[in-house]
Amino acid sequence: MLRGLAAKQSNKTLIKGRQFTAEITLWAVRWYLQLPISYRDLKHMFSDRGIQVNTTTLSQGIQASAPDLDKRIRPHLRMTNGSWQGDETYIRLKGEGVYLYRAVDAKGQTIDFLLSPKRDAAAARCYFKVLGKPHPIHLRTIAGDEAMAMIRKGQVIDAPTNGMVAQRDFIAILFGAAA
């Protein structure tokens, strides 16, 4: 069934130059960012549905789409109460340690974030400069992770906090794709 769907909508690709429809690409993005699964697990999930894809294609598609998801969700964020504080944590991405700085409001909702390889005064100044402004996304999937976390925490207007089907429909509307 999905193979036929992919053939019908092959001209509606979300990512220029990619071989899958917007719907299939959005499935991959949502599942990877929302569930604790690997690219290999995702490949098996698609294979079970008759869609053959390799892990490199999945990785490239998700890394290309995750920042776009973040960008499309931002206009739908609920207003914060004006009070916020900085939050930082050390995480490992692709085997390298980086610092994740986040601005969090009084309710614990993420306002913005920045990744930095260093924890020093220059990194803090950079963080405050980009706060609330668009910034380049290196280590791209973190933008999508933060976007999906904002949905789960109820920060996005008209986006359900739980319910995979309702979230799927909301994200499909953001991208102008069939759900």
N, C-alpha and C. Protein backbone atom coordinates (compact mmCIF):
# COMPACT_ATOMS: atom_id res chain seq x y z
N MET A 1 0.81 -1.19 0.00
CA MET A 1 0.00 0.00 0.00
C MET A 1 0.86 1.26 0.00
N LEU A 2 1.86 1.33 0.88
CA LEU A 2 2.72 2.50 0.93
C LEU A 2 3.56 2.65 -0.32
N ARG A 3 3.96 1.53 -0.91
CA ARG A 3 4.76 1.62 -2.13
C ARG A 3 3.95 2.29 -3.23
N GLY A 4 2.65 1.94 -3.33
CA GLY A 4 1.77 2.58 -4.30
C GLY A 4 1.59 4.05 -4.00
N LEU A 5 1.47 4.37 -2.72
CA LEU A 5 1.35 5.76 -2.29
C LEU A 5 2.60 6.54 -2.67
N ALA A 6 3.76 5.94 -2.44
CA ALA A 6 5.02 6.60 -2.79
C ALA A 6 5.10 6.83 -4.29
N ALA A 7 4.64 5.87 -5.09
CA ALA A 7 4.69 6.02 -6.54
C ALA A 7 3.74 7.12 -7.01
N LYS A 8 2.55 7.22 -6.41
CA LYS A 8 1.58 8.24 -6.79
C LYS A 8 2.09 9.65 -6.50
N GLN A 9 2.76 9.82 -5.36
CA GLN A 9 3.16 11.15 -4.93
C GLN A 9 4.64 11.42 -5.15
N SER A 10 5.28 10.71 -6.06
CA SER A 10 6.72 10.85 -6.21
C SER A 10 7.15 12.25 -6.61
N ASN A 11 6.23 13.04 -7.19
CA ASN A 11 6.60 14.40 -7.57
C ASN A 11 6.49 15.37 -6.41
N LYS A 12 6.01 14.95 -5.27
CA LYS A 12 5.84 15.83 -4.11
C LYS A 12 6.90 15.56 -3.06
N THR A 13 8.16 15.71 -3.39
CA THR A 13 9.20 15.45 -2.40
C THR A 13 9.39 16.66 -1.51
N LEU A 14 9.62 16.42 -0.25
CA LEU A 14 9.83 17.47 0.73
C LEU A 14 11.24 18.03 0.60
N ILE A 15 12.18 17.16 0.35
CA ILE A 15 13.58 17.55 0.28
C ILE A 15 14.00 17.45 -1.18
N LYS A 16 14.46 18.55 -1.72
CA LYS A 16 14.87 18.58 -3.12
C LYS A 16 15.95 17.53 -3.38
N GLY A 17 15.74 16.73 -4.40
CA GLY A 17 16.72 15.71 -4.76
C GLY A 17 16.54 14.40 -4.02
N ARG A 18 15.57 14.30 -3.13
CA ARG A 18 15.33 13.07 -2.40
C ARG A 18 14.32 12.22 -3.14
N GLN A 19 14.35 10.93 -2.91
CA GLN A 19 13.52 10.01 -3.66
C GLN A 19 12.19 9.67 -3.01
N PHE A 20 11.91 10.20 -1.83
CA PHE A 20 10.69 9.85 -1.13
C PHE A 20 9.73 11.03 -1.07
N THR A 21 8.46 10.72 -0.88
CA THR A 21 7.44 11.76 -0.78
C THR A 21 7.60 12.53 0.53
N ALA A 22 6.93 13.65 0.58
CA ALA A 22 6.94 14.46 1.80
C ALA A 22 6.38 13.66 2.97
N GLU A 23 5.34 12.89 2.72
CA GLU A 23 4.71 12.11 3.78
C GLU A 23 5.69 11.11 4.39
N ILE A 24 6.41 10.40 3.56
CA ILE A 24 7.36 9.40 4.03
C ILE A 24 8.52 10.06 4.75
N THR A 25 9.00 11.18 4.22
CA THR A 25 10.08 11.90 4.87
C THR A 25 9.64 12.40 6.24
N LEU A 26 8.42 12.91 6.33
CA LEU A 26 7.93 13.40 7.63
C LEU A 26 7.74 12.27 8.63
N TRP A 27 7.35 11.09 8.16
CA TRP A 27 7.28 9.93 9.06
C TRP A 27 8.66 9.70 9.68
N ALA A 28 9.66 9.65 8.83
CA ALA A 28 11.02 9.38 9.31
C ALA A 28 11.45 10.44 10.32
N VAL A 29 11.21 11.70 9.99
CA VAL A 29 11.61 12.80 10.89
C VAL A 29 10.89 12.68 12.23
N ARG A 30 9.57 12.52 12.21
CA ARG A 30 8.81 12.44 13.46
C ARG A 30 9.22 11.23 14.30
N TRP A 31 9.30 10.06 13.67
CA TRP A 31 9.62 8.85 14.41
C TRP A 31 11.01 8.94 15.02
N TYR A 32 11.98 9.41 14.26
CA TYR A 32 13.35 9.47 14.77
C TYR A 32 13.47 10.48 15.92
N LEU A 33 12.82 11.63 15.77
CA LEU A 33 12.93 12.68 16.78
C LEU A 33 12.05 12.42 18.00
N GLN A 34 11.00 11.64 17.83
CA GLN A 34 10.07 11.44 18.92
C GLN A 34 10.32 10.16 19.73
N LEU A 35 10.88 9.16 19.08
CA LEU A 35 11.07 7.87 19.73
C LEU A 35 12.55 7.57 19.91
N PRO A 36 12.91 6.81 20.92
CA PRO A 36 14.33 6.46 21.12
C PRO A 36 14.75 5.32 20.18
N ILE A 37 14.89 5.63 18.88
CA ILE A 37 15.25 4.61 17.90
C ILE A 37 16.47 5.05 17.11
N SER A 38 17.14 4.09 16.52
CA SER A 38 18.31 4.36 15.69
C SER A 38 17.89 4.43 14.23
N TYR A 39 18.81 4.87 13.38
CA TYR A 39 18.54 4.87 11.94
C TYR A 39 18.31 3.44 11.46
N ARG A 40 19.03 2.50 12.03
CA ARG A 40 18.85 1.09 11.64
C ARG A 40 17.44 0.60 12.01
N ASP A 41 16.97 0.95 13.20
CA ASP A 41 15.61 0.59 13.60
C ASP A 41 14.59 1.20 12.65
N LEU A 42 14.81 2.45 12.30
CA LEU A 42 13.92 3.15 11.39
C LEU A 42 13.91 2.49 10.01
N LYS A 43 15.07 2.06 9.56
CA LYS A 43 15.17 1.35 8.28
C LYS A 43 14.31 0.08 8.33
N HIS A 44 14.36 -0.65 9.42
CA HIS A 44 13.56 -1.87 9.56
C HIS A 44 12.07 -1.56 9.60
N MET A 45 11.69 -0.46 10.25
CA MET A 45 10.28 -0.07 10.29
C MET A 45 9.76 0.22 8.89
N PHE A 46 10.57 0.91 8.09
CA PHE A 46 10.16 1.19 6.72
C PHE A 46 10.15 -0.07 5.88
N SER A 47 11.12 -0.93 6.07
CA SER A 47 11.19 -2.19 5.33
C SER A 47 9.94 -3.04 5.60
N ASP A 48 9.49 -3.03 6.84
CA ASP A 48 8.28 -3.75 7.21
C ASP A 48 7.05 -3.22 6.48
N ARG A 49 7.13 -1.98 6.05
CA ARG A 49 6.03 -1.35 5.31
C ARG A 49 6.26 -1.36 3.80
N GLY A 50 7.27 -2.10 3.35
CA GLY A 50 7.54 -2.24 1.92
C GLY A 50 8.34 -1.12 1.30
N ILE A 51 8.98 -0.30 2.12
CA ILE A 51 9.78 0.82 1.62
C ILE A 51 11.24 0.52 1.89
N GLN A 52 12.03 0.40 0.84
CA GLN A 52 13.44 0.09 0.98
C GLN A 52 14.24 1.40 1.02
N VAL A 53 14.99 1.58 2.08
CA VAL A 53 15.78 2.79 2.26
C VAL A 53 17.02 2.43 3.06
N ASN A 54 18.13 3.11 2.80
CA ASN A 54 19.32 2.81 3.60
C ASN A 54 19.48 3.86 4.71
N THR A 55 20.31 3.53 5.66
CA THR A 55 20.44 4.40 6.84
C THR A 55 21.06 5.75 6.49
N THR A 56 21.92 5.79 5.48
CA THR A 56 22.52 7.06 5.08
C THR A 56 21.46 8.01 4.53
N THR A 57 20.56 7.48 3.73
CA THR A 57 19.47 8.29 3.18
C THR A 57 18.59 8.82 4.31
N LEU A 58 18.28 7.97 5.27
CA LEU A 58 17.48 8.41 6.42
C LEU A 58 18.20 9.51 7.19
N SER A 59 19.47 9.30 7.46
CA SER A 59 20.25 10.29 8.20
C SER A 59 20.26 11.63 7.48
N GLN A 60 20.53 11.61 6.18
CA GLN A 60 20.58 12.86 5.41
C GLN A 60 19.22 13.55 5.37
N GLY A 61 18.15 12.76 5.19
CA GLY A 61 16.82 13.34 5.14
C GLY A 61 16.40 13.96 6.45
N ILE A 62 16.70 13.29 7.54
CA ILE A 62 16.34 13.80 8.86
C ILE A 62 17.17 15.03 9.20
N GLN A 63 18.46 15.00 8.91
CA GLN A 63 19.30 16.15 9.20
C GLN A 63 18.94 17.36 8.35
N ALA A 64 18.43 17.13 7.15
CA ALA A 64 18.01 18.25 6.31
C ALA A 64 16.65 18.79 6.74
N SER A 65 15.79 17.95 7.28
CA SER A 65 14.42 18.36 7.62
C SER A 65 14.26 18.86 9.05
N ALA A 66 15.07 18.40 9.98
CA ALA A 66 14.91 18.77 11.39
C ALA A 66 14.99 20.28 11.62
N PRO A 67 15.98 20.99 11.04
CA PRO A 67 16.00 22.44 11.25
C PRO A 67 14.78 23.13 10.65
N ASP A 68 14.27 22.59 9.54
CA ASP A 68 13.08 23.16 8.92
C ASP A 68 11.86 22.98 9.82
N LEU A 69 11.77 21.84 10.49
CA LEU A 69 10.69 21.60 11.44
C LEU A 69 10.75 22.64 12.56
N ASP A 70 11.94 22.87 13.09
CA ASP A 70 12.13 23.86 14.14
C ASP A 70 11.68 25.24 13.65
N LYS A 71 12.09 25.60 12.45
CA LYS A 71 11.75 26.91 11.89
C LYS A 71 10.24 27.07 11.69
N ARG A 72 9.56 26.00 11.26
CA ARG A 72 8.13 26.08 11.00
C ARG A 72 7.30 26.07 12.29
N ILE A 73 7.83 25.49 13.35
CA ILE A 73 7.11 25.45 14.63
C ILE A 73 7.22 26.77 15.38
N ARG A 74 8.32 27.47 15.25
CA ARG A 74 8.56 28.70 16.03
C ARG A 74 7.42 29.72 15.98
N PRO A 75 6.80 29.99 14.81
CA PRO A 75 5.70 30.97 14.81
C PRO A 75 4.46 30.51 15.60
N HIS A 76 4.38 29.23 15.92
CA HIS A 76 3.22 28.69 16.63
C HIS A 76 3.46 28.51 18.12
N LEU A 77 4.59 28.97 18.62
CA LEU A 77 4.89 28.82 20.05
C LEU A 77 4.01 29.73 20.89
N ARG A 78 3.64 29.23 22.06
CA ARG A 78 2.88 30.04 23.01
C ARG A 78 3.79 31.14 23.56
N MET A 79 3.18 32.22 23.97
CA MET A 79 3.94 33.31 24.58
C MET A 79 4.49 32.84 25.93
N THR A 80 5.68 33.31 26.26
CA THR A 80 6.24 33.00 27.58
C THR A 80 5.84 34.12 28.54
N ASN A 81 6.08 33.89 29.82
CA ASN A 81 5.67 34.88 30.80
C ASN A 81 6.71 35.98 31.01
N GLY A 82 7.76 35.99 30.23
CA GLY A 82 8.76 37.04 30.32
C GLY A 82 9.90 36.72 31.28
N SER A 83 9.68 35.85 32.23
CA SER A 83 10.71 35.45 33.17
C SER A 83 11.40 34.19 32.64
N TRP A 84 12.72 34.21 32.59
CA TRP A 84 13.43 33.03 32.09
C TRP A 84 14.78 32.91 32.78
N GLN A 85 15.36 31.74 32.64
CA GLN A 85 16.70 31.51 33.19
C GLN A 85 17.49 30.65 32.23
N GLY A 86 18.79 30.69 32.36
CA GLY A 86 19.67 29.89 31.52
C GLY A 86 19.83 28.49 32.08
N ASP A 87 19.97 27.55 31.19
CA ASP A 87 20.13 26.15 31.56
C ASP A 87 21.24 25.61 30.68
N GLU A 88 22.14 24.85 31.24
CA GLU A 88 23.20 24.28 30.41
C GLU A 88 23.42 22.84 30.81
N THR A 89 23.81 22.05 29.83
CA THR A 89 24.13 20.65 30.09
C THR A 89 25.19 20.20 29.10
N TYR A 90 25.92 19.20 29.47
CA TYR A 90 26.96 18.63 28.62
C TYR A 90 26.40 17.38 27.98
N ILE A 91 26.44 17.30 26.66
CA ILE A 91 25.93 16.13 25.95
C ILE A 91 26.97 15.65 24.94
N ARG A 92 26.79 14.42 24.47
CA ARG A 92 27.68 13.87 23.45
C ARG A 92 26.90 13.75 22.15
N LEU A 93 27.47 14.34 21.09
CA LEU A 93 26.90 14.25 19.75
C LEU A 93 27.98 13.76 18.81
N LYS A 94 27.68 12.66 18.13
CA LYS A 94 28.64 12.05 17.20
C LYS A 94 29.98 11.81 17.88
N GLY A 95 29.94 11.38 19.12
CA GLY A 95 31.15 11.04 19.84
C GLY A 95 31.91 12.22 20.43
N GLU A 96 31.44 13.43 20.20
CA GLU A 96 32.12 14.61 20.73
C GLU A 96 31.26 15.28 21.80
N GLY A 97 31.90 15.78 22.82
CA GLY A 97 31.19 16.47 23.87
C GLY A 97 30.91 17.91 23.49
N VAL A 98 29.69 18.36 23.70
CA VAL A 98 29.31 19.75 23.44
C VAL A 98 28.42 20.23 24.58
N TYR A 99 28.34 21.52 24.72
CA TYR A 99 27.48 22.12 25.73
C TYR A 99 26.19 22.58 25.07
N LEU A 100 25.07 22.20 25.66
CA LEU A 100 23.76 22.63 25.19
C LEU A 100 23.28 23.69 26.16
N TYR A 101 23.19 24.92 25.65
CA TYR A 101 22.66 26.04 26.44
C TYR A 101 21.21 26.24 26.03
N ARG A 102 20.34 26.39 27.02
CA ARG A 102 18.92 26.64 26.74
C ARG A 102 18.42 27.78 27.60
N ALA A 103 17.55 28.59 27.01
CA ALA A 103 16.80 29.58 27.78
C ALA A 103 15.47 28.93 28.10
N VAL A 104 15.14 28.86 29.39
CA VAL A 104 13.94 28.17 29.85
C VAL A 104 13.11 29.15 30.66
N ASP A 105 11.79 29.20 30.37
CA ASP A 105 10.94 30.12 31.13
C ASP A 105 10.56 29.52 32.48
N ALA A 106 9.77 30.24 33.27
CA ALA A 106 9.42 29.80 34.62
C ALA A 106 8.65 28.49 34.65
N LYS A 107 7.98 28.13 33.53
CA LYS A 107 7.24 26.88 33.47
C LYS A 107 8.10 25.73 32.94
N GLY A 108 9.37 25.99 32.65
CA GLY A 108 10.26 24.95 32.14
C GLY A 108 10.19 24.77 30.64
N GLN A 109 9.56 25.72 29.95
CA GLN A 109 9.45 25.62 28.50
C GLN A 109 10.66 26.25 27.82
N THR A 110 11.17 25.57 26.82
CA THR A 110 12.35 26.04 26.10
C THR A 110 12.00 27.25 25.26
N ILE A 111 12.78 28.32 25.41
CA ILE A 111 12.61 29.52 24.59
C ILE A 111 13.54 29.44 23.39
N ASP A 112 14.80 29.10 23.63
CA ASP A 112 15.77 28.96 22.55
C ASP A 112 16.94 28.15 23.07
N PHE A 113 17.85 27.75 22.17
CA PHE A 113 18.99 26.94 22.56
C PHE A 113 20.19 27.23 21.67
N LEU A 114 21.35 26.80 22.12
CA LEU A 114 22.59 26.94 21.35
C LEU A 114 23.53 25.82 21.74
N LEU A 115 24.22 25.26 20.75
CA LEU A 115 25.26 24.26 21.01
C LEU A 115 26.61 24.94 20.92
N SER A 116 27.51 24.59 21.82
CA SER A 116 28.86 25.17 21.81
C SER A 116 29.87 24.10 22.19
N PRO A 117 31.01 24.06 21.50
CA PRO A 117 32.02 23.08 21.87
C PRO A 117 32.75 23.45 23.17
N LYS A 118 32.65 24.72 23.58
CA LYS A 118 33.36 25.19 24.77
C LYS A 118 32.40 25.76 25.80
N ARG A 119 32.86 25.73 27.05
CA ARG A 119 32.12 26.36 28.15
C ARG A 119 33.00 27.45 28.71
N ASP A 120 32.81 28.65 28.16
CA ASP A 120 33.60 29.79 28.61
C ASP A 120 32.81 31.07 28.39
N ALA A 121 33.42 32.20 28.72
CA ALA A 121 32.73 33.48 28.61
C ALA A 121 32.33 33.78 27.17
N ALA A 122 33.18 33.42 26.21
CA ALA A 122 32.86 33.67 24.80
C ALA A 122 31.62 32.89 24.37
N ALA A 123 31.49 31.65 24.84
CA ALA A 123 30.31 30.84 24.51
C ALA A 123 29.06 31.45 25.12
N ALA A 124 29.17 31.94 26.35
CA ALA A 124 28.02 32.57 27.00
C ALA A 124 27.59 33.83 26.27
N ARG A 125 28.57 34.67 25.86
CA ARG A 125 28.24 35.87 25.09
C ARG A 125 27.55 35.51 23.78
N CYS A 126 28.06 34.49 23.12
CA CYS A 126 27.46 34.03 21.86
C CYS A 126 26.03 33.58 22.10
N TYR A 127 25.81 32.88 23.19
CA TYR A 127 24.48 32.39 23.54
C TYR A 127 23.49 33.54 23.69
N PHE A 128 23.89 34.58 24.41
CA PHE A 128 22.99 35.71 24.63
C PHE A 128 22.78 36.53 23.36
N LYS A 129 23.77 36.53 22.46
CA LYS A 129 23.62 37.23 21.18
C LYS A 129 22.56 36.58 20.30
N VAL A 130 22.57 35.25 20.26
CA VAL A 130 21.66 34.55 19.36
C VAL A 130 20.29 34.29 19.98
N LEU A 131 20.15 34.55 21.26
CA LEU A 131 18.89 34.28 21.94
C LEU A 131 17.73 34.97 21.22
N GLY A 132 16.81 34.17 20.73
CA GLY A 132 15.64 34.70 20.04
C GLY A 132 15.86 35.02 18.58
N LYS A 133 17.10 34.88 18.08
CA LYS A 133 17.38 35.14 16.67
C LYS A 133 17.64 33.82 15.97
N PRO A 134 17.42 33.78 14.65
CA PRO A 134 17.77 32.56 13.93
C PRO A 134 19.28 32.34 14.03
N HIS A 135 19.70 31.14 14.18
CA HIS A 135 21.13 30.86 14.25
C HIS A 135 21.44 29.62 13.44
N PRO A 136 22.68 29.53 12.98
CA PRO A 136 23.04 28.37 12.15
C PRO A 136 22.96 27.09 12.98
N ILE A 137 22.44 26.06 12.38
CA ILE A 137 22.31 24.79 13.07
C ILE A 137 23.42 23.87 12.60
N HIS A 138 24.43 23.60 13.49
CA HIS A 138 25.41 22.57 13.23
C HIS A 138 25.01 21.43 14.15
N LEU A 139 25.22 20.20 13.88
CA LEU A 139 24.69 19.05 14.60
C LEU A 139 23.18 19.13 14.54
N ARG A 140 22.58 19.14 13.26
CA ARG A 140 21.24 19.54 12.86
C ARG A 140 20.09 18.88 13.61
N THR A 141 20.17 17.61 13.96
CA THR A 141 19.00 16.94 14.54
C THR A 141 18.61 17.52 15.89
N ILE A 142 19.51 18.20 16.58
CA ILE A 142 19.15 18.78 17.88
C ILE A 142 18.03 19.80 17.73
N ALA A 143 17.97 20.51 16.60
CA ALA A 143 16.90 21.47 16.37
C ALA A 143 15.56 20.75 16.30
N GLY A 144 15.53 19.63 15.62
CA GLY A 144 14.31 18.84 15.54
C GLY A 144 13.93 18.23 16.88
N ASP A 145 14.95 17.76 17.62
CA ASP A 145 14.69 17.22 18.96
C ASP A 145 14.02 18.27 19.84
N GLU A 146 14.57 19.49 19.80
CA GLU A 146 14.00 20.57 20.61
C GLU A 146 12.59 20.92 20.13
N ALA A 147 12.35 20.90 18.82
CA ALA A 147 11.01 21.19 18.29
C ALA A 147 10.00 20.15 18.76
N MET A 148 10.36 18.88 18.69
CA MET A 148 9.44 17.84 19.15
C MET A 148 9.23 17.93 20.67
N ALA A 149 10.26 18.30 21.41
CA ALA A 149 10.12 18.48 22.86
C ALA A 149 9.15 19.62 23.16
N MET A 150 9.20 20.69 22.35
CA MET A 150 8.28 21.81 22.53
C MET A 150 6.83 21.36 22.31
N ILE A 151 6.62 20.48 21.34
CA ILE A 151 5.27 19.95 21.10
C ILE A 151 4.83 19.12 22.30
N ARG A 152 5.72 18.21 22.76
CA ARG A 152 5.36 17.34 23.89
C ARG A 152 5.06 18.13 25.16
N LYS A 153 5.76 19.26 25.36
CA LYS A 153 5.57 20.06 26.57
C LYS A 153 4.40 21.04 26.46
N GLY A 154 3.70 21.02 25.31
CA GLY A 154 2.54 21.88 25.14
C GLY A 154 2.86 23.32 24.82
N GLN A 155 4.05 23.59 24.30
CA GLN A 155 4.45 24.95 23.99
C GLN A 155 3.94 25.43 22.64
N VAL A 156 3.47 24.53 21.81
CA VAL A 156 3.05 24.89 20.45
C VAL A 156 1.53 24.99 20.41
N ILE A 157 1.03 26.15 20.00
CA ILE A 157 -0.41 26.38 19.93
C ILE A 157 -1.01 25.43 18.89
N ASP A 158 -2.14 24.85 19.22
CA ASP A 158 -2.89 23.94 18.34
C ASP A 158 -2.18 22.62 18.07
N ALA A 159 -1.09 22.34 18.74
CA ALA A 159 -0.42 21.05 18.58
C ALA A 159 -0.72 20.21 19.81
N PRO A 160 -1.21 19.00 19.62
CA PRO A 160 -1.53 18.15 20.77
C PRO A 160 -0.26 17.68 21.48
N THR A 161 -0.31 17.61 22.81
CA THR A 161 0.86 17.19 23.57
C THR A 161 1.05 15.69 23.54
N ASN A 162 -0.02 14.96 23.32
CA ASN A 162 0.11 13.52 23.16
C ASN A 162 -0.81 13.09 22.03
N GLY A 163 -0.60 11.94 21.53
CA GLY A 163 -1.40 11.48 20.40
C GLY A 163 -0.62 11.59 19.11
N MET A 164 -0.04 10.49 18.71
CA MET A 164 0.81 10.46 17.51
C MET A 164 0.05 10.88 16.26
N VAL A 165 -1.20 10.50 16.15
CA VAL A 165 -1.97 10.81 14.94
C VAL A 165 -2.20 12.32 14.83
N ALA A 166 -2.59 12.94 15.92
CA ALA A 166 -2.84 14.38 15.91
C ALA A 166 -1.55 15.16 15.66
N GLN A 167 -0.44 14.71 16.23
CA GLN A 167 0.85 15.36 15.98
C GLN A 167 1.25 15.18 14.52
N ARG A 168 1.02 13.99 13.98
CA ARG A 168 1.32 13.74 12.57
C ARG A 168 0.56 14.73 11.69
N ASP A 169 -0.73 14.89 11.97
CA ASP A 169 -1.55 15.79 11.17
C ASP A 169 -1.07 17.24 11.29
N PHE A 170 -0.71 17.66 12.50
CA PHE A 170 -0.23 19.03 12.71
C PHE A 170 1.06 19.28 11.92
N ILE A 171 2.00 18.36 12.00
CA ILE A 171 3.28 18.53 11.29
C ILE A 171 3.07 18.48 9.78
N ALA A 172 2.16 17.63 9.32
CA ALA A 172 1.87 17.56 7.88
C ALA A 172 1.31 18.90 7.40
N ILE A 173 0.46 19.53 8.21
CA ILE A 173 -0.09 20.85 7.85
C ILE A 173 1.03 21.88 7.78
N LEU A 174 1.96 21.84 8.74
CA LEU A 174 3.08 22.79 8.72
C LEU A 174 3.89 22.69 7.42
N PHE A 175 4.04 21.47 6.92
CA PHE A 175 4.83 21.26 5.72
C PHE A 175 3.99 21.24 4.44
N GLY A 176 2.67 21.39 4.58
CA GLY A 176 1.79 21.36 3.41
C GLY A 176 1.75 20.02 2.74
N ALA A 177 1.87 18.96 3.53
CA ALA A 177 1.89 17.58 3.00
C ALA A 177 0.63 16.86 3.43
N ALA A 178 0.31 15.80 2.72
CA ALA A 178 -0.83 14.95 3.09
C ALA A 178 -0.47 14.18 4.36
N ALA A 179 -1.42 14.04 5.26
CA ALA A 179 -1.16 13.33 6.53
C ALA A 179 -1.23 11.85 6.38
